[in-house]
Protein backbone atom coordinates (compact mmCIF):
# COMPACT_ATOMS: atom_id res chain seq x y z
CA UNK A 1 -7.12 -24.13 1.00
CA UNK A 2 -8.57 -27.38 1.16
CA UNK A 3 -6.52 -30.44 1.05
CA UNK A 4 -5.99 -33.08 -1.42
CA UNK A 5 -6.58 -35.09 1.22
CA UNK A 6 -10.02 -33.81 2.06
CA UNK A 7 -11.02 -32.91 -1.18
CA UNK A 8 -10.81 -36.71 -1.93
CA UNK A 9 -13.11 -37.09 1.31
CA UNK A 10 -15.44 -34.87 0.29
CA UNK A 11 -16.07 -36.38 -3.25
CA UNK A 12 -15.83 -40.05 -1.12
CA UNK A 13 -18.48 -38.92 0.74
CA UNK A 14 -20.84 -36.71 -2.13
CA UNK A 15 -20.41 -40.00 -4.02
CA UNK A 16 -21.74 -42.43 -1.28
CA UNK A 17 -25.38 -39.81 -0.51
CA UNK A 18 -25.65 -39.69 -4.81
CA UNK A 19 -26.06 -43.63 -4.26
CA UNK A 20 -28.16 -43.77 -1.20
CA UNK A 21 -30.58 -41.06 -2.97
CA UNK A 22 -30.85 -42.70 -6.07
CA UNK A 23 -31.30 -46.57 -4.55
CA UNK A 24 -33.55 -44.90 -2.55
CA UNK A 25 -35.58 -43.62 -5.11
CA UNK A 26 -37.46 -46.14 -5.96
CA UNK A 27 -38.71 -47.40 -2.56
CA UNK A 28 -40.66 -43.70 -2.42
CA UNK A 29 -42.36 -45.70 -5.39
CA UNK A 30 -43.56 -47.88 -3.43
CA UNK A 31 -44.75 -45.28 -0.95
CA UNK A 32 -47.54 -44.33 -3.98
CA UNK A 33 -45.66 -41.08 -4.40
CA UNK A 34 -45.81 -41.44 -7.71
CA UNK A 35 -43.72 -38.92 -8.35
CA UNK A 36 -40.20 -39.13 -10.38
CA UNK A 37 -37.47 -36.86 -8.54
CA UNK A 38 -36.63 -34.41 -11.67
CA UNK A 39 -40.51 -34.14 -11.02
CA UNK A 40 -40.52 -33.31 -7.59
CA UNK A 41 -37.75 -30.31 -9.01
CA UNK A 42 -39.65 -29.16 -11.42
CA UNK A 43 -42.73 -28.61 -9.76
CA UNK A 44 -40.74 -26.48 -6.16
CA UNK A 45 -39.08 -24.53 -8.60
CA UNK A 46 -42.39 -23.35 -9.99
CA UNK A 47 -44.20 -23.43 -6.80
CA UNK A 48 -40.54 -21.28 -5.45
CA UNK A 49 -40.62 -18.95 -8.37
CA UNK A 50 -43.46 -19.06 -10.22
CA UNK A 51 -44.82 -18.88 -13.47
CA UNK A 52 -41.54 -20.17 -15.64
CA UNK A 53 -40.47 -20.14 -19.58
CA UNK A 54 -39.85 -23.73 -20.95
CA UNK A 55 -35.76 -22.28 -21.69
CA UNK A 56 -35.49 -21.23 -17.62
CA UNK A 57 -36.69 -24.50 -16.64
CA UNK A 58 -34.44 -26.72 -19.01
CA UNK A 59 -31.45 -23.77 -17.66
CA UNK A 60 -32.83 -24.31 -13.88
CA UNK A 61 -33.22 -28.31 -14.59
CA UNK A 62 -29.23 -28.00 -16.43
CA UNK A 63 -31.33 -30.70 -18.81
CA UNK A 64 -31.82 -29.77 -22.37
CA UNK A 65 -34.70 -28.48 -24.39
CA UNK A 66 -36.13 -31.50 -25.21
CA UNK A 67 -35.91 -33.25 -22.43
CA UNK A 68 -36.75 -30.68 -19.73
CA UNK A 69 -40.17 -30.50 -23.12
CA UNK A 70 -40.59 -34.20 -22.38
CA UNK A 71 -40.93 -33.88 -18.33
CA UNK A 72 -43.25 -30.62 -18.06
CA UNK A 73 -45.57 -32.40 -21.34
CA UNK A 74 -45.95 -35.45 -19.12
CA UNK A 75 -46.26 -33.49 -15.66
CA UNK A 76 -49.14 -31.37 -18.03
CA UNK A 77 -51.02 -34.86 -19.29
CA UNK A 78 -51.36 -35.46 -15.04
CA UNK A 79 -53.19 -32.35 -14.25
CA UNK A 80 -49.91 -30.88 -12.56
CA UNK A 81 -48.94 -28.07 -14.15
CA UNK A 82 -50.23 -25.92 -17.65
CA UNK A 83 -49.08 -23.74 -20.61
CA UNK A 84 -49.89 -20.73 -21.60
CA UNK A 85 -48.26 -18.84 -24.45
CA UNK A 86 -47.13 -15.64 -23.01
CA UNK A 87 -48.68 -12.30 -23.52
CA UNK A 88 -45.51 -10.33 -24.54
CA UNK A 89 -44.33 -13.56 -27.08
CA UNK A 90 -47.28 -15.55 -28.24
CA UNK A 91 -44.36 -18.39 -30.06
CA UNK A 92 -43.12 -18.71 -26.13
CA UNK A 93 -45.49 -21.21 -23.94
CA UNK A 94 -45.59 -20.01 -20.13
CA UNK A 95 -45.64 -23.18 -17.26
CA UNK A 96 -47.32 -22.56 -14.42
CA UNK A 97 -48.30 -24.69 -11.37
CA UNK A 98 -51.84 -26.21 -10.97
CA UNK A 99 -54.39 -26.66 -8.09
CA UNK A 100 -53.68 -30.59 -8.42
CA UNK A 101 -50.02 -29.86 -8.76
CA UNK A 102 -49.74 -27.17 -5.41
CA UNK A 103 -52.06 -30.15 -4.00
CA UNK A 104 -49.87 -32.85 -4.63
CA UNK A 105 -46.26 -31.46 -3.99
CA UNK A 106 -47.87 -30.55 -0.28
CA UNK A 107 -48.91 -33.64 -0.44
CA UNK A 108 -45.21 -35.34 -0.97
CA UNK A 109 -43.04 -32.84 0.84
CA UNK A 110 -45.49 -33.48 3.58
CA UNK A 111 -44.00 -36.70 3.07
CA UNK A 112 -40.88 -36.29 3.28
CA UNK A 113 -40.44 -33.67 6.15
CA UNK A 114 -42.08 -36.91 7.91
CA UNK A 115 -39.59 -39.14 7.01
CA UNK A 116 -36.49 -36.65 7.77
CA UNK A 117 -37.70 -35.63 11.12
CA UNK A 118 -38.33 -39.54 11.52
CA UNK A 119 -34.58 -40.16 10.10
CA UNK A 120 -32.92 -37.27 12.09
CA UNK A 121 -34.93 -37.32 15.37
CA UNK A 122 -31.41 -37.99 17.38
CA UNK A 123 -30.56 -34.83 15.86
CA UNK A 124 -29.93 -31.40 17.60
CA UNK A 125 -32.16 -29.35 15.40
CA UNK A 126 -29.05 -26.53 15.26
CA UNK A 127 -26.77 -29.06 14.16
CA UNK A 128 -29.56 -30.26 11.98
CA UNK A 129 -29.80 -26.64 10.22
CA UNK A 130 -26.28 -25.99 9.78
CA UNK A 131 -25.86 -29.22 8.23
CA UNK A 132 -28.99 -28.05 5.76
CA UNK A 133 -26.77 -24.99 4.85
CA UNK A 134 -23.93 -26.41 4.57
CA UNK A 135 -25.42 -28.94 2.08
CA UNK A 136 -27.75 -26.45 0.42
CA UNK A 137 -23.70 -24.02 0.04
CA UNK A 138 -22.28 -27.40 -1.56
CA UNK A 139 -25.07 -27.61 -4.14
CA UNK A 140 -25.19 -23.80 -5.31
CA UNK A 141 -21.45 -24.23 -6.12
CA UNK A 142 -21.36 -27.32 -7.79
CA UNK A 143 -23.63 -25.88 -10.12
CA UNK A 144 -21.62 -22.95 -10.16
CA UNK A 145 -18.32 -24.14 -10.74
CA UNK A 146 -18.91 -27.51 -12.39
CA UNK A 147 -19.82 -26.05 -16.13
CA UNK A 148 -16.72 -23.94 -15.49
CA UNK A 149 -14.62 -26.01 -14.56
CA UNK A 150 -15.54 -28.85 -17.01
CA UNK A 151 -15.08 -26.10 -19.43
CA UNK A 152 -11.67 -25.44 -19.06
CA UNK A 153 -10.53 -28.60 -18.24
CA UNK A 154 -12.14 -31.03 -21.25
CA UNK A 155 -11.74 -34.23 -20.74
CA UNK A 156 -8.94 -35.53 -22.58
CA UNK A 157 -9.40 -37.72 -25.93
CA UNK A 158 -9.09 -40.97 -26.20
CA UNK A 159 -6.38 -42.66 -27.03
CA UNK A 160 -6.73 -44.65 -30.38
């Protein structure tokens, strides 16, 4: 079982990582990546899992239907995704990665990969692979457990 001290250390490290990722996102804009992190997440999901309903994308992104709708509309406007009616239910739209979206995602992925290889050039590949595995497990755990934890421990009402 994780001790309180270790849990507090993890909270601090996760906060530091979150701030580092957030503060570096504007630097990628200067490199003419042209896609926000949330856009990349949607494009990667479509690449990995194929065509999806908007509701599935919203659930995967942990956002509301209106948020994913605006995001997909912008990606569609830029030609990165395509929308079509679901043959099983014409009221439902399916979203898929366009060829342009696939090409752009591959370009951005190559740039990010080159950056990560450079940033961790002095790391042993086995250590880097183990770190990637642990971060993946951590992300999965946070996503799967956070909602249940928040439901079980609602925020107390603010004093009047």
